[in-house]
């Protein structure tokens, strides 16, 4: 962990409104103990499918009922590279790159939450995925939970970690997080940081990974966003978080999805890390109370991109949970075939 005095200096600068704080945050933020020998390699065959007139990239490993991995901002299927080996024996692993991200095409879209939901649903239809188990991270949560609550007959369970799940309030975020995301959401400051400086990829991604990423790893994350024109999706995502009802369209949509989730019987697995970022103790306690059927498992030290510190623990936890689900058939769900 970085020293306490640096953290206190950072907090003082942010709370005082210093313009230099935004540049200092990644440099002195704390790290965590990651598992050893995390591989940078991505040894999977790239596949593409046409979706709504554009190509979406994905990887497809193993056999059986599909396990669909959905990433968030600013990552891609590469995020799951060290998790997949522990899971592919449990089913057919499909990891998609969201439209405009990873190796998927970059059509002229608003790149709002609704756009990503539309493209992921069309992706599922294009691959004819049935009886899906969803594994969600970050904005993959907002996308995946929406799909699951609209198509519960096609989803057999949801595992999630550090995922956007429901609307939030500014007052519930730590002071430094409020400072950071208010800047990222600002029309001018956010554009300069994310589009011109590539701040989300170059600075926030390694900070929230919780460890120093290698140049090979960083090059994978940089590759989709080498040009300013390609950074629109990662610019829009911070503005899509429904905070105190803004944007209203996402507040309404995600609130309705969460209400359906609370009344659903769909199996859920929440993986938590220490200290985590989105899944703080207060939110986890709320989820346990409002989603009593949810299983919770700790995976060890991690910040936000927990796949970069605890991929083995994530993979093993997923494998155990999936195996357990398969041993308890759900008579209410129709049996459907795999590919």
C-alpha atoms as a PDB file:
ATOM      1  CA  UNK A   1       0.000   0.000   0.000  1.00  0.00           C
ATOM      2  CA  UNK A   2       1.161   3.547  -0.696  1.00  0.00           C
ATOM      3  CA  UNK A   3       1.909   5.587   2.406  1.00  0.00           C
ATOM      4  CA  UNK A   4      -0.880   7.165   4.424  1.00  0.00           C
ATOM      5  CA  UNK A   5       0.519  10.692   4.171  1.00  0.00           C
ATOM      6  CA  UNK A   6       0.291  10.611   0.379  1.00  0.00           C
ATOM      7  CA  UNK A   7      -3.332   9.587   0.613  1.00  0.00           C
ATOM      8  CA  UNK A   8      -4.013  12.407   3.068  1.00  0.00           C
ATOM      9  CA  UNK A   9      -2.297  14.933   0.780  1.00  0.00           C
ATOM     10  CA  UNK A  10      -4.405  13.692  -2.120  1.00  0.00           C
ATOM     11  CA  UNK A  11      -7.613  13.987  -0.129  1.00  0.00           C
ATOM     12  CA  UNK A  12      -6.694  17.512   0.994  1.00  0.00           C
ATOM     13  CA  UNK A  13      -5.994  18.647  -2.579  1.00  0.00           C
ATOM     14  CA  UNK A  14      -9.265  17.188  -3.860  1.00  0.00           C
ATOM     15  CA  UNK A  15     -11.403  18.569  -1.076  1.00  0.00           C
ATOM     16  CA  UNK A  16      -9.781  21.970  -1.572  1.00  0.00           C
ATOM     17  CA  UNK A  17     -10.734  21.844  -5.237  1.00  0.00           C
ATOM     18  CA  UNK A  18      -7.168  21.825  -6.544  1.00  0.00           C
ATOM     19  CA  UNK A  19      -6.970  21.401 -10.311  1.00  0.00           C
ATOM     20  CA  UNK A  20      -3.847  19.304  -9.843  1.00  0.00           C
ATOM     21  CA  UNK A  21      -5.683  16.608  -7.919  1.00  0.00           C
ATOM     22  CA  UNK A  22      -7.048  14.842 -10.994  1.00  0.00           C
ATOM     23  CA  UNK A  23      -3.515  14.225 -12.290  1.00  0.00           C
ATOM     24  CA  UNK A  24      -2.183  13.133  -8.908  1.00  0.00           C
ATOM     25  CA  UNK A  25      -4.847  10.545  -8.080  1.00  0.00           C
ATOM     26  CA  UNK A  26      -3.451   7.665 -10.201  1.00  0.00           C
ATOM     27  CA  UNK A  27       0.137   8.354  -9.178  1.00  0.00           C
ATOM     28  CA  UNK A  28      -0.371   7.947  -5.430  1.00  0.00           C
ATOM     29  CA  UNK A  29      -3.451   5.748  -5.187  1.00  0.00           C
ATOM     30  CA  UNK A  30      -2.964   2.539  -3.183  1.00  0.00           C
ATOM     31  CA  UNK A  31      -2.311  -0.820  -4.801  1.00  0.00           C
ATOM     32  CA  UNK A  32      -3.130  -4.342  -3.622  1.00  0.00           C
ATOM     33  CA  UNK A  33      -1.402  -7.704  -3.446  1.00  0.00           C
ATOM     34  CA  UNK A  34      -2.116  -9.564  -6.673  1.00  0.00           C
ATOM     35  CA  UNK A  35      -1.695 -13.264  -7.318  1.00  0.00           C
ATOM     36  CA  UNK A  36       1.723 -14.069  -8.811  1.00  0.00           C
ATOM     37  CA  UNK A  37       2.527 -14.646 -12.479  1.00  0.00           C
ATOM     38  CA  UNK A  38      -0.522 -13.071 -14.103  1.00  0.00           C
ATOM     39  CA  UNK A  39      -0.162 -13.657 -17.828  1.00  0.00           C
ATOM     40  CA  UNK A  40      -0.406 -10.891 -20.423  1.00  0.00           C
ATOM     41  CA  UNK A  41      -0.984 -13.395 -23.242  1.00  0.00           C
ATOM     42  CA  UNK A  42      -4.322 -13.639 -25.053  1.00  0.00           C
ATOM     43  CA  UNK A  43      -4.144 -17.142 -26.571  1.00  0.00           C
ATOM     44  CA  UNK A  44      -7.632 -17.255 -28.055  1.00  0.00           C
ATOM     45  CA  UNK A  45      -8.863 -17.268 -31.622  1.00  0.00           C
ATOM     46  CA  UNK A  46     -10.616 -14.049 -32.624  1.00  0.00           C
ATOM     47  CA  UNK A  47     -14.060 -14.478 -34.131  1.00  0.00           C
ATOM     48  CA  UNK A  48     -16.419 -11.926 -35.652  1.00  0.00           C
ATOM     49  CA  UNK A  49     -20.148 -11.828 -36.306  1.00  0.00           C
ATOM     50  CA  UNK A  50     -22.201  -9.196 -38.103  1.00  0.00           C
ATOM     51  CA  UNK A  51     -24.560  -7.415 -35.729  1.00  0.00           C
ATOM     52  CA  UNK A  52     -26.863  -4.591 -36.871  1.00  0.00           C
ATOM     53  CA  UNK A  53     -24.591  -3.854 -39.816  1.00  0.00           C
ATOM     54  CA  UNK A  54     -21.301  -3.904 -37.846  1.00  0.00           C
ATOM     55  CA  UNK A  55     -18.863  -6.630 -36.838  1.00  0.00           C
ATOM     56  CA  UNK A  56     -18.593  -7.577 -33.192  1.00  0.00           C
ATOM     57  CA  UNK A  57     -15.521  -9.414 -31.949  1.00  0.00           C
ATOM     58  CA  UNK A  58     -15.703 -12.334 -29.544  1.00  0.00           C
ATOM     59  CA  UNK A  59     -13.887 -15.435 -28.397  1.00  0.00           C
ATOM     60  CA  UNK A  60     -15.578 -18.817 -28.172  1.00  0.00           C
ATOM     61  CA  UNK A  61     -14.047 -21.643 -26.123  1.00  0.00           C
ATOM     62  CA  UNK A  62     -15.361 -25.015 -24.951  1.00  0.00           C
ATOM     63  CA  UNK A  63     -18.642 -26.850 -25.344  1.00  0.00           C
ATOM     64  CA  UNK A  64     -22.019 -26.939 -23.650  1.00  0.00           C
ATOM     65  CA  UNK A  65     -24.461 -24.298 -22.473  1.00  0.00           C
ATOM     66  CA  UNK A  66     -23.046 -20.793 -23.024  1.00  0.00           C
ATOM     67  CA  UNK A  67     -21.351 -18.716 -20.356  1.00  0.00           C
ATOM     68  CA  UNK A  68     -21.366 -15.144 -21.668  1.00  0.00           C
ATOM     69  CA  UNK A  69     -18.760 -12.736 -20.275  1.00  0.00           C
ATOM     70  CA  UNK A  70     -19.590  -9.017 -20.669  1.00  0.00           C
ATOM     71  CA  UNK A  71     -16.963  -6.392 -19.830  1.00  0.00           C
ATOM     72  CA  UNK A  72     -17.278  -2.672 -19.147  1.00  0.00           C
ATOM     73  CA  UNK A  73     -15.294   0.543 -19.543  1.00  0.00           C
ATOM     74  CA  UNK A  74     -12.622   0.750 -21.066  1.00  0.00           C
ATOM     75  CA  UNK A  75     -11.850  -2.943 -21.359  1.00  0.00           C
ATOM     76  CA  UNK A  76     -12.668  -5.837 -23.701  1.00  0.00           C
ATOM     77  CA  UNK A  77     -12.672  -9.633 -23.762  1.00  0.00           C
ATOM     78  CA  UNK A  78      -8.960  -9.333 -22.943  1.00  0.00           C
ATOM     79  CA  UNK A  79      -9.947  -8.599 -19.328  1.00  0.00           C
ATOM     80  CA  UNK A  80     -11.131 -12.218 -18.905  1.00  0.00           C
ATOM     81  CA  UNK A  81      -8.039 -13.891 -20.401  1.00  0.00           C
ATOM     82  CA  UNK A  82      -6.823 -15.467 -17.137  1.00  0.00           C
ATOM     83  CA  UNK A  83     -10.299 -16.315 -15.824  1.00  0.00           C
ATOM     84  CA  UNK A  84     -11.416 -18.323 -18.863  1.00  0.00           C
ATOM     85  CA  UNK A  85      -9.083 -21.356 -18.382  1.00  0.00           C
ATOM     86  CA  UNK A  86     -10.789 -22.122 -15.058  1.00  0.00           C
ATOM     87  CA  UNK A  87     -14.299 -21.900 -16.498  1.00  0.00           C
ATOM     88  CA  UNK A  88     -14.267 -23.368 -19.999  1.00  0.00           C
ATOM     89  CA  UNK A  89     -14.644 -26.932 -18.745  1.00  0.00           C
ATOM     90  CA  UNK A  90     -17.973 -25.865 -17.223  1.00  0.00           C
ATOM     91  CA  UNK A  91     -19.474 -24.806 -20.543  1.00  0.00           C
ATOM     92  CA  UNK A  92     -19.057 -22.886 -23.755  1.00  0.00           C
ATOM     93  CA  UNK A  93     -17.271 -19.655 -22.854  1.00  0.00           C
ATOM     94  CA  UNK A  94     -18.158 -16.664 -25.031  1.00  0.00           C
ATOM     95  CA  UNK A  95     -16.526 -13.309 -24.267  1.00  0.00           C
ATOM     96  CA  UNK A  96     -17.721 -10.381 -26.366  1.00  0.00           C
ATOM     97  CA  UNK A  97     -16.198  -6.983 -27.119  1.00  0.00           C
ATOM     98  CA  UNK A  98     -18.887  -4.327 -26.748  1.00  0.00           C
ATOM     99  CA  UNK A  99     -19.646  -2.299 -29.854  1.00  0.00           C
ATOM    100  CA  UNK A 100     -17.053   0.445 -30.341  1.00  0.00           C
ATOM    101  CA  UNK A 101     -14.696  -1.299 -27.912  1.00  0.00           C
ATOM    102  CA  UNK A 102     -11.989  -3.937 -28.166  1.00  0.00           C
ATOM    103  CA  UNK A 103     -11.762  -5.320 -31.694  1.00  0.00           C
ATOM    104  CA  UNK A 104     -15.425  -4.661 -32.485  1.00  0.00           C
ATOM    105  CA  UNK A 105     -16.359  -2.081 -35.118  1.00  0.00           C
ATOM    106  CA  UNK A 106     -16.868   1.564 -34.243  1.00  0.00           C
ATOM    107  CA  UNK A 107     -20.053   2.715 -36.000  1.00  0.00           C
ATOM    108  CA  UNK A 108     -21.406   6.250 -35.633  1.00  0.00           C
ATOM    109  CA  UNK A 109     -23.522   5.834 -32.482  1.00  0.00           C
ATOM    110  CA  UNK A 110     -24.340   7.829 -29.364  1.00  0.00           C
ATOM    111  CA  UNK A 111     -22.831   4.907 -27.371  1.00  0.00           C
ATOM    112  CA  UNK A 112     -25.409   5.283 -24.650  1.00  0.00           C
ATOM    113  CA  UNK A 113     -26.414   2.384 -22.411  1.00  0.00           C
ATOM    114  CA  UNK A 114     -29.423   1.658 -24.639  1.00  0.00           C
ATOM    115  CA  UNK A 115     -27.150   1.301 -27.690  1.00  0.00           C
ATOM    116  CA  UNK A 116     -24.979  -1.292 -25.964  1.00  0.00           C
ATOM    117  CA  UNK A 117     -28.048  -3.171 -24.726  1.00  0.00           C
ATOM    118  CA  UNK A 118     -29.407  -3.289 -28.279  1.00  0.00           C
ATOM    119  CA  UNK A 119     -26.137  -4.571 -29.745  1.00  0.00           C
ATOM    120  CA  UNK A 120     -25.569  -7.218 -27.047  1.00  0.00           C
ATOM    121  CA  UNK A 121     -29.100  -8.530 -27.481  1.00  0.00           C
ATOM    122  CA  UNK A 122     -28.580  -8.697 -31.251  1.00  0.00           C
ATOM    123  CA  UNK A 123     -25.214 -10.419 -30.652  1.00  0.00           C
ATOM    124  CA  UNK A 124     -26.928 -13.080 -28.528  1.00  0.00           C
ATOM    125  CA  UNK A 125     -29.509 -13.598 -31.272  1.00  0.00           C
ATOM    126  CA  UNK A 126     -26.839 -13.761 -33.991  1.00  0.00           C
ATOM    127  CA  UNK A 127     -24.973 -16.528 -32.151  1.00  0.00           C
ATOM    128  CA  UNK A 128     -28.266 -18.203 -31.162  1.00  0.00           C
ATOM    129  CA  UNK A 129     -27.154 -18.398 -27.534  1.00  0.00           C
ATOM    130  CA  UNK A 130     -29.669 -20.200 -25.320  1.00  0.00           C
ATOM    131  CA  UNK A 131     -29.794 -21.066 -21.627  1.00  0.00           C
ATOM    132  CA  UNK A 132     -27.108 -18.484 -20.915  1.00  0.00           C
ATOM    133  CA  UNK A 133     -25.169 -17.935 -17.730  1.00  0.00           C
ATOM    134  CA  UNK A 134     -24.024 -14.299 -17.553  1.00  0.00           C
ATOM    135  CA  UNK A 135     -20.733 -13.136 -16.016  1.00  0.00           C
ATOM    136  CA  UNK A 136     -20.732  -9.357 -15.646  1.00  0.00           C
ATOM    137  CA  UNK A 137     -18.277  -6.605 -14.734  1.00  0.00           C
ATOM    138  CA  UNK A 138     -18.570  -2.807 -14.603  1.00  0.00           C
ATOM    139  CA  UNK A 139     -21.062  -1.611 -17.277  1.00  0.00           C
ATOM    140  CA  UNK A 140     -21.476  -5.237 -18.310  1.00  0.00           C
ATOM    141  CA  UNK A 141     -23.737  -5.269 -15.246  1.00  0.00           C
ATOM    142  CA  UNK A 142     -26.042  -2.570 -16.558  1.00  0.00           C
ATOM    143  CA  UNK A 143     -26.237  -4.374 -19.904  1.00  0.00           C
ATOM    144  CA  UNK A 144     -26.497  -7.937 -18.625  1.00  0.00           C
ATOM    145  CA  UNK A 145     -29.053  -7.391 -15.870  1.00  0.00           C
ATOM    146  CA  UNK A 146     -31.249  -5.498 -18.325  1.00  0.00           C
ATOM    147  CA  UNK A 147     -31.129  -8.410 -20.774  1.00  0.00           C
ATOM    148  CA  UNK A 148     -31.758 -10.995 -18.060  1.00  0.00           C
ATOM    149  CA  UNK A 149     -34.811  -9.246 -16.647  1.00  0.00           C
ATOM    150  CA  UNK A 150     -36.326  -8.867 -20.131  1.00  0.00           C
ATOM    151  CA  UNK A 151     -35.449 -12.440 -21.176  1.00  0.00           C
ATOM    152  CA  UNK A 152     -35.508 -14.483 -17.953  1.00  0.00           C
ATOM    153  CA  UNK A 153     -36.446 -17.604 -19.906  1.00  0.00           C
ATOM    154  CA  UNK A 154     -33.035 -17.509 -21.619  1.00  0.00           C
ATOM    155  CA  UNK A 155     -30.804 -16.839 -18.573  1.00  0.00           C
ATOM    156  CA  UNK A 156     -30.041 -19.547 -16.015  1.00  0.00           C
ATOM    157  CA  UNK A 157     -28.008 -17.406 -13.631  1.00  0.00           C
ATOM    158  CA  UNK A 158     -25.911 -14.269 -13.189  1.00  0.00           C
ATOM    159  CA  UNK A 159     -22.454 -13.902 -11.642  1.00  0.00           C
ATOM    160  CA  UNK A 160     -21.164 -10.372 -11.177  1.00  0.00           C
ATOM    161  CA  UNK A 161     -18.294  -8.421  -9.679  1.00  0.00           C
ATOM    162  CA  UNK A 162     -17.649  -4.676  -9.394  1.00  0.00           C
ATOM    163  CA  UNK A 163     -20.706  -4.212 -11.594  1.00  0.00           C
ATOM    164  CA  UNK A 164     -23.029  -1.287 -12.273  1.00  0.00           C
ATOM    165  CA  UNK A 165     -26.260  -2.658 -10.890  1.00  0.00           C
ATOM    166  CA  UNK A 166     -28.668   0.138  -9.947  1.00  0.00           C
ATOM    167  CA  UNK A 167     -28.909   3.950  -9.793  1.00  0.00           C
ATOM    168  CA  UNK A 168     -26.588   5.747  -7.367  1.00  0.00           C
ATOM    169  CA  UNK A 169     -26.434   8.947  -5.321  1.00  0.00           C
ATOM    170  CA  UNK A 170     -23.552  11.394  -5.176  1.00  0.00           C
ATOM    171  CA  UNK A 171     -23.736  11.451  -1.363  1.00  0.00           C
ATOM    172  CA  UNK A 172     -22.999   7.730  -1.177  1.00  0.00           C
ATOM    173  CA  UNK A 173     -19.685   8.053  -3.046  1.00  0.00           C
ATOM    174  CA  UNK A 174     -16.416   8.845  -1.233  1.00  0.00           C
ATOM    175  CA  UNK A 175     -15.253  12.458  -1.611  1.00  0.00           C
ATOM    176  CA  UNK A 176     -12.407  11.587  -3.978  1.00  0.00           C
ATOM    177  CA  UNK A 177     -14.709   9.497  -6.184  1.00  0.00           C
ATOM    178  CA  UNK A 178     -17.185  12.384  -6.336  1.00  0.00           C
ATOM    179  CA  UNK A 179     -14.401  14.750  -7.361  1.00  0.00           C
ATOM    180  CA  UNK A 180     -13.104  12.362 -10.008  1.00  0.00           C
ATOM    181  CA  UNK A 181     -16.411  11.502 -11.664  1.00  0.00           C
ATOM    182  CA  UNK A 182     -17.743  15.041 -11.587  1.00  0.00           C
ATOM    183  CA  UNK A 183     -14.681  15.992 -13.615  1.00  0.00           C
ATOM    184  CA  UNK A 184     -15.085  13.031 -15.957  1.00  0.00           C
ATOM    185  CA  UNK A 185     -18.747  13.925 -16.529  1.00  0.00           C
ATOM    186  CA  UNK A 186     -18.020  17.611 -17.137  1.00  0.00           C
ATOM    187  CA  UNK A 187     -18.532  18.625 -20.767  1.00  0.00           C
ATOM    188  CA  UNK A 188     -15.125  20.249 -21.268  1.00  0.00           C
ATOM    189  CA  UNK A 189     -12.935  18.731 -18.552  1.00  0.00           C
ATOM    190  CA  UNK A 190     -14.180  15.201 -19.223  1.00  0.00           C
ATOM    191  CA  UNK A 191     -13.608  15.584 -22.959  1.00  0.00           C
ATOM    192  CA  UNK A 192     -10.076  16.880 -22.448  1.00  0.00           C
ATOM    193  CA  UNK A 193      -9.198  14.125 -19.991  1.00  0.00           C
ATOM    194  CA  UNK A 194     -10.719  11.137 -21.749  1.00  0.00           C
ATOM    195  CA  UNK A 195     -10.543  12.050 -25.439  1.00  0.00           C
ATOM    196  CA  UNK A 196      -7.461  14.253 -25.690  1.00  0.00           C
ATOM    197  CA  UNK A 197      -5.340  12.792 -22.882  1.00  0.00           C
ATOM    198  CA  UNK A 198      -6.695   9.202 -22.970  1.00  0.00           C
ATOM    199  CA  UNK A 199      -6.796   9.521 -19.176  1.00  0.00           C
ATOM    200  CA  UNK A 200      -9.175   6.612 -18.617  1.00  0.00           C
ATOM    201  CA  UNK A 201      -6.900   4.113 -20.361  1.00  0.00           C
ATOM    202  CA  UNK A 202      -3.492   5.522 -19.492  1.00  0.00           C
ATOM    203  CA  UNK A 203      -4.175   6.534 -15.883  1.00  0.00           C
ATOM    204  CA  UNK A 204      -7.409   5.195 -14.419  1.00  0.00           C
ATOM    205  CA  UNK A 205      -7.167   1.701 -15.877  1.00  0.00           C
ATOM    206  CA  UNK A 206      -3.847   0.807 -14.182  1.00  0.00           C
ATOM    207  CA  UNK A 207      -4.858   2.649 -11.004  1.00  0.00           C
ATOM    208  CA  UNK A 208      -8.109   0.726 -10.665  1.00  0.00           C
ATOM    209  CA  UNK A 209      -6.401  -2.527 -11.629  1.00  0.00           C
ATOM    210  CA  UNK A 210      -4.625  -2.315  -8.286  1.00  0.00           C
ATOM    211  CA  UNK A 211      -1.184  -3.234  -9.641  1.00  0.00           C
ATOM    212  CA  UNK A 212       1.333  -2.035 -12.204  1.00  0.00           C
ATOM    213  CA  UNK A 213       0.259  -3.393 -15.582  1.00  0.00           C
ATOM    214  CA  UNK A 214       3.018  -4.475 -17.954  1.00  0.00           C
ATOM    215  CA  UNK A 215       3.598  -2.681 -21.260  1.00  0.00           C
ATOM    216  CA  UNK A 216       2.229  -5.729 -23.072  1.00  0.00           C
ATOM    217  CA  UNK A 217      -0.964  -5.560 -21.012  1.00  0.00           C
ATOM    218  CA  UNK A 218      -1.253  -1.801 -21.469  1.00  0.00           C
ATOM    219  CA  UNK A 219      -0.758  -2.167 -25.222  1.00  0.00           C
ATOM    220  CA  UNK A 220      -3.774  -4.498 -25.379  1.00  0.00           C
ATOM    221  CA  UNK A 221      -5.906  -1.977 -23.512  1.00  0.00           C
ATOM    222  CA  UNK A 222      -4.590   0.947 -25.589  1.00  0.00           C
ATOM    223  CA  UNK A 223      -5.051  -0.700 -28.975  1.00  0.00           C
ATOM    224  CA  UNK A 224      -8.763   0.136 -29.524  1.00  0.00           C
ATOM    225  CA  UNK A 225      -8.269   3.805 -28.615  1.00  0.00           C
ATOM    226  CA  UNK A 226      -5.102   4.960 -30.337  1.00  0.00           C
ATOM    227  CA  UNK A 227      -6.989   7.735 -32.157  1.00  0.00           C
ATOM    228  CA  UNK A 228      -9.051  10.436 -30.446  1.00  0.00           C
ATOM    229  CA  UNK A 229     -11.988   9.627 -32.712  1.00  0.00           C
ATOM    230  CA  UNK A 230     -12.104   6.084 -31.276  1.00  0.00           C
ATOM    231  CA  UNK A 231     -12.469   7.227 -27.654  1.00  0.00           C
ATOM    232  CA  UNK A 232     -16.131   8.222 -27.795  1.00  0.00           C
ATOM    233  CA  UNK A 233     -17.415   5.063 -26.047  1.00  0.00           C
ATOM    234  CA  UNK A 234     -15.124   5.519 -23.060  1.00  0.00           C
ATOM    235  CA  UNK A 235     -16.002   9.230 -22.959  1.00  0.00           C
ATOM    236  CA  UNK A 236     -19.747   8.514 -22.858  1.00  0.00           C
ATOM    237  CA  UNK A 237     -19.750   5.751 -20.224  1.00  0.00           C
ATOM    238  CA  UNK A 238     -19.087   8.012 -17.170  1.00  0.00           C
ATOM    239  CA  UNK A 239     -21.971  10.229 -18.291  1.00  0.00           C
ATOM    240  CA  UNK A 240     -24.301   7.228 -18.412  1.00  0.00           C
ATOM    241  CA  UNK A 241     -24.114   6.449 -14.680  1.00  0.00           C
ATOM    242  CA  UNK A 242     -27.499   7.449 -13.181  1.00  0.00           C
ATOM    243  CA  UNK A 243     -26.466   9.690 -10.292  1.00  0.00           C
ATOM    244  CA  UNK A 244     -29.226  11.541  -8.430  1.00  0.00           C
ATOM    245  CA  UNK A 245     -31.550  10.837 -11.340  1.00  0.00           C
ATOM    246  CA  UNK A 246     -29.253  12.075 -14.128  1.00  0.00           C
ATOM    247  CA  UNK A 247     -29.494  10.912 -16.866  1.00  0.00           C
ATOM    248  CA  UNK A 248     -33.200  10.343 -16.257  1.00  0.00           C
ATOM    249  CA  UNK A 249     -33.584   7.708 -18.996  1.00  0.00           C
ATOM    250  CA  UNK A 250     -31.040   5.459 -17.267  1.00  0.00           C
ATOM    251  CA  UNK A 251     -32.458   6.208 -13.821  1.00  0.00           C
ATOM    252  CA  UNK A 252     -35.865   4.985 -14.997  1.00  0.00           C
ATOM    253  CA  UNK A 253     -34.559   1.985 -16.913  1.00  0.00           C
ATOM    254  CA  UNK A 254     -32.137   0.715 -14.291  1.00  0.00           C
ATOM    255  CA  UNK A 255     -34.578   1.272 -11.419  1.00  0.00           C
ATOM    256  CA  UNK A 256     -37.173  -0.839 -13.227  1.00  0.00           C
ATOM    257  CA  UNK A 257     -34.596  -3.557 -13.934  1.00  0.00           C
ATOM    258  CA  UNK A 258     -33.487  -3.642 -10.296  1.00  0.00           C
ATOM    259  CA  UNK A 259     -37.094  -3.936  -9.085  1.00  0.00           C
ATOM    260  CA  UNK A 260     -37.573  -6.921 -11.392  1.00  0.00           C
ATOM    261  CA  UNK A 261     -34.334  -8.415 -10.079  1.00  0.00           C
ATOM    262  CA  UNK A 262     -35.528  -8.132  -6.489  1.00  0.00           C
ATOM    263  CA  UNK A 263     -38.685 -10.049  -7.382  1.00  0.00           C
ATOM    264  CA  UNK A 264     -36.897 -12.651  -9.511  1.00  0.00           C
ATOM    265  CA  UNK A 265     -35.816 -16.146  -8.459  1.00  0.00           C
ATOM    266  CA  UNK A 266     -32.822 -16.169 -10.818  1.00  0.00           C
ATOM    267  CA  UNK A 267     -29.662 -17.519  -9.114  1.00  0.00           C
ATOM    268  CA  UNK A 268     -27.062 -14.831  -8.372  1.00  0.00           C
ATOM    269  CA  UNK A 269     -23.389 -14.885  -7.397  1.00  0.00           C
ATOM    270  CA  UNK A 270     -21.622 -11.756  -6.172  1.00  0.00           C
ATOM    271  CA  UNK A 271     -17.815 -11.864  -6.018  1.00  0.00           C
ATOM    272  CA  UNK A 272     -16.310  -9.214  -3.764  1.00  0.00           C
ATOM    273  CA  UNK A 273     -12.737  -7.980  -3.398  1.00  0.00           C
ATOM    274  CA  UNK A 274     -10.900  -6.113  -0.649  1.00  0.00           C
ATOM    275  CA  UNK A 275     -11.212  -3.145  -0.717  1.00  0.00           C
ATOM    276  CA  UNK A 276     -13.065  -3.058  -4.058  1.00  0.00           C
ATOM    277  CA  UNK A 277     -14.492   0.168  -5.431  1.00  0.00           C
ATOM    278  CA  UNK A 278     -18.114  -0.127  -6.577  1.00  0.00           C
ATOM    279  CA  UNK A 279     -18.988  -2.945  -4.194  1.00  0.00           C
ATOM    280  CA  UNK A 280     -18.283  -1.200  -0.900  1.00  0.00           C
ATOM    281  CA  UNK A 281     -19.499  -2.777   2.372  1.00  0.00           C
ATOM    282  CA  UNK A 282     -22.648  -0.623   2.529  1.00  0.00           C
ATOM    283  CA  UNK A 283     -23.760  -1.594  -0.982  1.00  0.00           C
ATOM    284  CA  UNK A 284     -22.934  -5.261  -0.390  1.00  0.00           C
ATOM    285  CA  UNK A 285     -25.018  -5.220   2.814  1.00  0.00           C
ATOM    286  CA  UNK A 286     -27.929  -3.657   0.922  1.00  0.00           C
ATOM    287  CA  UNK A 287     -27.712  -6.230  -1.861  1.00  0.00           C
ATOM    288  CA  UNK A 288     -27.646  -9.091   0.636  1.00  0.00           C
ATOM    289  CA  UNK A 289     -30.773  -7.711   2.267  1.00  0.00           C
ATOM    290  CA  UNK A 290     -32.669  -6.987  -0.963  1.00  0.00           C
ATOM    291  CA  UNK A 291     -31.471 -10.061  -2.880  1.00  0.00           C
ATOM    292  CA  UNK A 292     -31.531 -12.769  -0.190  1.00  0.00           C
ATOM    293  CA  UNK A 293     -31.105 -15.604  -2.705  1.00  0.00           C
ATOM    294  CA  UNK A 294     -27.713 -14.152  -3.738  1.00  0.00           C
ATOM    295  CA  UNK A 295     -24.573 -16.122  -2.926  1.00  0.00           C
ATOM    296  CA  UNK A 296     -21.567 -13.984  -1.961  1.00  0.00           C
ATOM    297  CA  UNK A 297     -17.929 -15.029  -2.066  1.00  0.00           C
ATOM    298  CA  UNK A 298     -14.761 -13.053  -1.338  1.00  0.00           C
ATOM    299  CA  UNK A 299     -11.968 -13.429  -3.892  1.00  0.00           C
ATOM    300  CA  UNK A 300      -9.107 -11.608  -2.133  1.00  0.00           C
ATOM    301  CA  UNK A 301      -7.351  -8.268  -2.644  1.00  0.00           C
ATOM    302  CA  UNK A 302      -8.591  -6.163  -5.528  1.00  0.00           C
ATOM    303  CA  UNK A 303      -9.679  -2.696  -6.601  1.00  0.00           C
ATOM    304  CA  UNK A 304     -12.103  -2.372  -9.532  1.00  0.00           C
ATOM    305  CA  UNK A 305     -10.546  -4.466 -12.314  1.00  0.00           C
ATOM    306  CA  UNK A 306     -10.359  -7.501 -10.048  1.00  0.00           C
ATOM    307  CA  UNK A 307      -9.575  -9.789 -13.008  1.00  0.00           C
ATOM    308  CA  UNK A 308      -6.114  -8.170 -13.017  1.00  0.00           C
ATOM    309  CA  UNK A 309      -5.326  -9.194  -9.451  1.00  0.00           C
ATOM    310  CA  UNK A 310      -7.345 -12.348  -8.660  1.00  0.00           C
ATOM    311  CA  UNK A 311      -8.161 -14.172 -11.927  1.00  0.00           C
ATOM    312  CA  UNK A 312      -7.592 -17.646 -10.465  1.00  0.00           C
ATOM    313  CA  UNK A 313      -9.839 -17.059  -7.462  1.00  0.00           C
ATOM    314  CA  UNK A 314     -12.513 -15.596  -9.755  1.00  0.00           C
ATOM    315  CA  UNK A 315     -12.305 -18.521 -12.158  1.00  0.00           C
ATOM    316  CA  UNK A 316     -12.414 -21.158  -9.433  1.00  0.00           C
ATOM    317  CA  UNK A 317     -15.334 -19.445  -7.694  1.00  0.00           C
ATOM    318  CA  UNK A 318     -17.262 -19.281 -10.960  1.00  0.00           C
ATOM    319  CA  UNK A 319     -16.531 -22.926 -11.719  1.00  0.00           C
ATOM    320  CA  UNK A 320     -17.743 -24.054  -8.281  1.00  0.00           C
ATOM    321  CA  UNK A 321     -20.922 -22.009  -8.565  1.00  0.00           C
ATOM    322  CA  UNK A 322     -21.716 -23.173 -12.092  1.00  0.00           C
ATOM    323  CA  UNK A 323     -21.130 -26.802 -11.109  1.00  0.00           C
ATOM    324  CA  UNK A 324     -23.484 -26.328  -8.178  1.00  0.00           C
ATOM    325  CA  UNK A 325     -26.187 -24.846 -10.391  1.00  0.00           C
ATOM    326  CA  UNK A 326     -25.982 -27.763 -12.786  1.00  0.00           C
ATOM    327  CA  UNK A 327     -26.440 -30.250  -9.944  1.00  0.00           C
ATOM    328  CA  UNK A 328     -29.765 -28.646  -8.978  1.00  0.00           C
ATOM    329  CA  UNK A 329     -32.002 -28.594 -12.096  1.00  0.00           C
ATOM    330  CA  UNK A 330     -34.632 -25.865 -12.335  1.00  0.00           C
ATOM    331  CA  UNK A 331     -37.893 -27.527 -13.442  1.00  0.00           C
ATOM    332  CA  UNK A 332     -39.414 -24.133 -14.288  1.00  0.00           C
ATOM    333  CA  UNK A 333     -36.858 -23.516 -17.042  1.00  0.00           C
ATOM    334  CA  UNK A 334     -37.280 -25.266 -20.370  1.00  0.00           C
ATOM    335  CA  UNK A 335     -34.416 -27.469 -21.491  1.00  0.00           C
ATOM    336  CA  UNK A 336     -32.595 -26.038 -24.475  1.00  0.00           C
ATOM    337  CA  UNK A 337     -29.688 -27.354 -26.462  1.00  0.00           C
ATOM    338  CA  UNK A 338     -26.174 -26.049 -26.853  1.00  0.00           C
ATOM    339  CA  UNK A 339     -24.425 -25.481 -30.143  1.00  0.00           C
END
